[in-house]
Amino acid sequence: MACEKEIWQKIGEGFVQEYYNQFDNTNRVALGNLYSTDACLTWEGSPFQGREAITGKLANLPFKRIKHIITEQDFQPTIDSCVLIMVFGQLQVDDDPPMAFHQVFMLKNVNCAWACTNDVFRLGIHNIPV
């Protein structure tokens, strides 16, 4: 008999599915609704504070098409009743070759609804200093 998934894992899986579905279907403006009012995003080292700034960043990314392929996702409950999510995968932008990425989200129950309070995104390609 299989074990029942913990509620925090179900919440995390639902968020990941909704986030990347909206992102890939070019509804990036609507992604702002998944963030809390004072959320933080770090995108490739650049910080964005607040839902409006985050929505602006995501809506104005310079590509027409994107497809995320999730290869791994991990979920943890935190001691303050939040859900920590780590996502690994590949993304393909327009006609570019696929690139690895990783993203970390923190979800918190805000006014009886789950919202992303923290988001850190990095491509899996980085120059190593010599």
C-alpha atoms as a PDB file:
ATOM      1  CA  MET A   1       0.000   0.000   0.000  1.00  0.00           C
ATOM      2  CA  ALA A   2       1.396   3.398  -1.011  1.00  0.00           C
ATOM      3  CA  CYS A   3       1.819   6.097   1.600  1.00  0.00           C
ATOM      4  CA  GLU A   4      -0.456   9.128   1.431  1.00  0.00           C
ATOM      5  CA  LYS A   5       1.367  12.313   0.399  1.00  0.00           C
ATOM      6  CA  GLU A   6       1.750  14.919   3.090  1.00  0.00           C
ATOM      7  CA  ILE A   7      -0.378  18.045   2.684  1.00  0.00           C
ATOM      8  CA  TRP A   8       2.697  20.267   2.231  1.00  0.00           C
ATOM      9  CA  GLN A   9       3.844  18.065  -0.666  1.00  0.00           C
ATOM     10  CA  LYS A  10       0.410  18.330  -2.329  1.00  0.00           C
ATOM     11  CA  ILE A  11       0.480  22.120  -1.895  1.00  0.00           C
ATOM     12  CA  GLY A  12       3.979  22.289  -3.386  1.00  0.00           C
ATOM     13  CA  GLU A  13       3.135  20.081  -6.347  1.00  0.00           C
ATOM     14  CA  GLY A  14       0.013  22.102  -7.095  1.00  0.00           C
ATOM     15  CA  PHE A  15       1.959  25.360  -6.972  1.00  0.00           C
ATOM     16  CA  VAL A  16       4.727  24.070  -9.270  1.00  0.00           C
ATOM     17  CA  GLN A  17       2.183  22.807 -11.802  1.00  0.00           C
ATOM     18  CA  GLU A  18       0.255  26.093 -11.805  1.00  0.00           C
ATOM     19  CA  TYR A  19       3.378  28.303 -11.892  1.00  0.00           C
ATOM     20  CA  TYR A  20       5.064  26.638 -14.865  1.00  0.00           C
ATOM     21  CA  ASN A  21       1.781  26.144 -16.731  1.00  0.00           C
ATOM     22  CA  GLN A  22       1.109  29.890 -16.568  1.00  0.00           C
ATOM     23  CA  PHE A  23       4.740  30.732 -17.335  1.00  0.00           C
ATOM     24  CA  ASP A  24       4.931  28.467 -20.395  1.00  0.00           C
ATOM     25  CA  ASN A  25       1.596  29.570 -21.793  1.00  0.00           C
ATOM     26  CA  THR A  26       2.767  33.211 -21.911  1.00  0.00           C
ATOM     27  CA  ASN A  27       0.410  34.273 -19.148  1.00  0.00           C
ATOM     28  CA  ARG A  28       3.303  35.686 -17.169  1.00  0.00           C
ATOM     29  CA  VAL A  29       1.354  38.755 -16.002  1.00  0.00           C
ATOM     30  CA  ALA A  30      -1.036  36.420 -14.154  1.00  0.00           C
ATOM     31  CA  LEU A  31       1.948  34.923 -12.296  1.00  0.00           C
ATOM     32  CA  GLY A  32       1.835  37.997 -10.054  1.00  0.00           C
ATOM     33  CA  ASN A  33      -1.310  36.556  -8.468  1.00  0.00           C
ATOM     34  CA  LEU A  34       0.769  33.662  -7.085  1.00  0.00           C
ATOM     35  CA  TYR A  35       3.001  36.028  -5.064  1.00  0.00           C
ATOM     36  CA  SER A  36       2.325  37.762  -1.763  1.00  0.00           C
ATOM     37  CA  THR A  37       2.193  41.564  -1.785  1.00  0.00           C
ATOM     38  CA  ASP A  38       5.690  41.975  -0.349  1.00  0.00           C
ATOM     39  CA  ALA A  39       7.313  38.909  -1.971  1.00  0.00           C
ATOM     40  CA  CYS A  40      10.992  38.803  -2.967  1.00  0.00           C
ATOM     41  CA  LEU A  41      12.401  37.481  -6.251  1.00  0.00           C
ATOM     42  CA  THR A  42      16.081  37.075  -7.062  1.00  0.00           C
ATOM     43  CA  TRP A  43      16.460  36.479 -10.814  1.00  0.00           C
ATOM     44  CA  GLU A  44      20.006  35.564 -11.825  1.00  0.00           C
ATOM     45  CA  GLY A  45      21.335  37.638  -8.917  1.00  0.00           C
ATOM     46  CA  SER A  46      19.087  40.686  -9.467  1.00  0.00           C
ATOM     47  CA  PRO A  47      16.598  41.400  -6.664  1.00  0.00           C
ATOM     48  CA  PHE A  48      12.953  42.427  -7.142  1.00  0.00           C
ATOM     49  CA  GLN A  49      10.774  43.382  -4.164  1.00  0.00           C
ATOM     50  CA  GLY A  50       6.978  43.317  -4.199  1.00  0.00           C
ATOM     51  CA  ARG A  51       4.324  41.769  -6.409  1.00  0.00           C
ATOM     52  CA  GLU A  52       4.323  44.664  -8.891  1.00  0.00           C
ATOM     53  CA  ALA A  53       8.099  44.566  -9.459  1.00  0.00           C
ATOM     54  CA  ILE A  54       8.065  40.775  -9.785  1.00  0.00           C
ATOM     55  CA  THR A  55       5.178  40.844 -12.255  1.00  0.00           C
ATOM     56  CA  GLY A  56       7.000  43.498 -14.285  1.00  0.00           C
ATOM     57  CA  LYS A  57      10.172  41.413 -14.424  1.00  0.00           C
ATOM     58  CA  LEU A  58       8.422  38.186 -15.433  1.00  0.00           C
ATOM     59  CA  ALA A  59       6.105  39.854 -17.971  1.00  0.00           C
ATOM     60  CA  ASN A  60       8.986  41.644 -19.709  1.00  0.00           C
ATOM     61  CA  LEU A  61      11.422  38.760 -20.157  1.00  0.00           C
ATOM     62  CA  PRO A  62      12.846  39.013 -23.704  1.00  0.00           C
ATOM     63  CA  PHE A  63      11.534  35.883 -25.415  1.00  0.00           C
ATOM     64  CA  LYS A  64       8.408  34.786 -27.234  1.00  0.00           C
ATOM     65  CA  ARG A  65       8.199  31.081 -26.324  1.00  0.00           C
ATOM     66  CA  ILE A  66       9.422  29.069 -23.379  1.00  0.00           C
ATOM     67  CA  LYS A  67       8.999  25.481 -22.266  1.00  0.00           C
ATOM     68  CA  HIS A  68      10.034  24.191 -18.821  1.00  0.00           C
ATOM     69  CA  ILE A  69      10.771  20.495 -18.393  1.00  0.00           C
ATOM     70  CA  ILE A  70      10.802  19.625 -14.700  1.00  0.00           C
ATOM     71  CA  THR A  71      13.159  16.762 -13.896  1.00  0.00           C
ATOM     72  CA  GLU A  72      13.121  16.918 -10.085  1.00  0.00           C
ATOM     73  CA  GLN A  73      11.175  18.742  -7.409  1.00  0.00           C
ATOM     74  CA  ASP A  74      11.616  18.554  -3.660  1.00  0.00           C
ATOM     75  CA  PHE A  75       9.305  19.846  -0.932  1.00  0.00           C
ATOM     76  CA  GLN A  76       9.791  20.459   2.778  1.00  0.00           C
ATOM     77  CA  PRO A  77       7.621  21.869   5.534  1.00  0.00           C
ATOM     78  CA  THR A  78       9.319  24.596   7.562  1.00  0.00           C
ATOM     79  CA  ILE A  79       9.112  25.125  11.308  1.00  0.00           C
ATOM     80  CA  ASP A  80       6.949  28.220  10.733  1.00  0.00           C
ATOM     81  CA  SER A  81       4.323  26.327   8.661  1.00  0.00           C
ATOM     82  CA  CYS A  82       5.610  27.357   5.234  1.00  0.00           C
ATOM     83  CA  VAL A  83       6.438  25.093   2.287  1.00  0.00           C
ATOM     84  CA  LEU A  84       9.933  25.133   0.778  1.00  0.00           C
ATOM     85  CA  ILE A  85      10.170  23.997  -2.862  1.00  0.00           C
ATOM     86  CA  MET A  86      13.251  23.270  -4.968  1.00  0.00           C
ATOM     87  CA  VAL A  87      12.789  22.662  -8.705  1.00  0.00           C
ATOM     88  CA  PHE A  88      15.386  21.370 -11.160  1.00  0.00           C
ATOM     89  CA  GLY A  89      14.934  21.019 -14.887  1.00  0.00           C
ATOM     90  CA  GLN A  90      15.579  22.346 -18.341  1.00  0.00           C
ATOM     91  CA  LEU A  91      14.023  25.203 -20.221  1.00  0.00           C
ATOM     92  CA  GLN A  92      13.979  26.009 -23.887  1.00  0.00           C
ATOM     93  CA  VAL A  93      13.557  29.612 -25.000  1.00  0.00           C
ATOM     94  CA  ASP A  94      12.462  30.337 -28.580  1.00  0.00           C
ATOM     95  CA  ASP A  95      14.852  28.388 -30.850  1.00  0.00           C
ATOM     96  CA  ASP A  96      17.778  28.251 -28.390  1.00  0.00           C
ATOM     97  CA  PRO A  97      19.121  24.905 -27.173  1.00  0.00           C
ATOM     98  CA  PRO A  98      17.756  23.686 -23.804  1.00  0.00           C
ATOM     99  CA  MET A  99      19.431  25.066 -20.661  1.00  0.00           C
ATOM    100  CA  ALA A 100      19.447  23.706 -17.130  1.00  0.00           C
ATOM    101  CA  PHE A 101      17.768  25.782 -14.433  1.00  0.00           C
ATOM    102  CA  HIS A 102      16.990  25.585 -10.752  1.00  0.00           C
ATOM    103  CA  GLN A 103      14.432  27.543  -8.780  1.00  0.00           C
ATOM    104  CA  VAL A 104      13.551  27.737  -5.107  1.00  0.00           C
ATOM    105  CA  PHE A 105      10.172  28.926  -3.801  1.00  0.00           C
ATOM    106  CA  MET A 106       8.874  29.575  -0.292  1.00  0.00           C
ATOM    107  CA  LEU A 107       5.097  29.414   0.120  1.00  0.00           C
ATOM    108  CA  LYS A 108       3.187  30.817   3.066  1.00  0.00           C
ATOM    109  CA  ASN A 109      -0.480  30.689   3.948  1.00  0.00           C
ATOM    110  CA  VAL A 110      -1.602  34.331   3.653  1.00  0.00           C
ATOM    111  CA  ASN A 111      -5.257  35.089   4.482  1.00  0.00           C
ATOM    112  CA  CYS A 112      -6.311  31.455   3.929  1.00  0.00           C
ATOM    113  CA  ALA A 113      -4.543  31.151   0.557  1.00  0.00           C
ATOM    114  CA  TRP A 114      -1.045  29.939  -0.291  1.00  0.00           C
ATOM    115  CA  ALA A 115       1.240  32.581  -1.798  1.00  0.00           C
ATOM    116  CA  CYS A 116       4.883  32.664  -2.831  1.00  0.00           C
ATOM    117  CA  THR A 117       6.887  34.893  -0.474  1.00  0.00           C
ATOM    118  CA  ASN A 118      10.354  34.093  -1.852  1.00  0.00           C
ATOM    119  CA  ASP A 119      11.618  32.971  -5.266  1.00  0.00           C
ATOM    120  CA  VAL A 120      15.218  32.439  -6.380  1.00  0.00           C
ATOM    121  CA  PHE A 121      15.933  31.550 -10.020  1.00  0.00           C
ATOM    122  CA  ARG A 122      19.240  30.596 -11.669  1.00  0.00           C
ATOM    123  CA  LEU A 123      20.217  29.117 -14.988  1.00  0.00           C
ATOM    124  CA  GLY A 124      22.502  26.125 -14.652  1.00  0.00           C
ATOM    125  CA  ILE A 125      25.252  27.767 -16.694  1.00  0.00           C
ATOM    126  CA  HIS A 126      27.752  29.992 -14.970  1.00  0.00           C
ATOM    127  CA  ASN A 127      31.202  31.165 -15.822  1.00  0.00           C
ATOM    128  CA  ILE A 128      33.819  29.838 -13.437  1.00  0.00           C
ATOM    129  CA  PRO A 129      36.535  32.419 -12.691  1.00  0.00           C
ATOM    130  CA  VAL A 130      40.060  31.344 -13.607  1.00  0.00           C
END
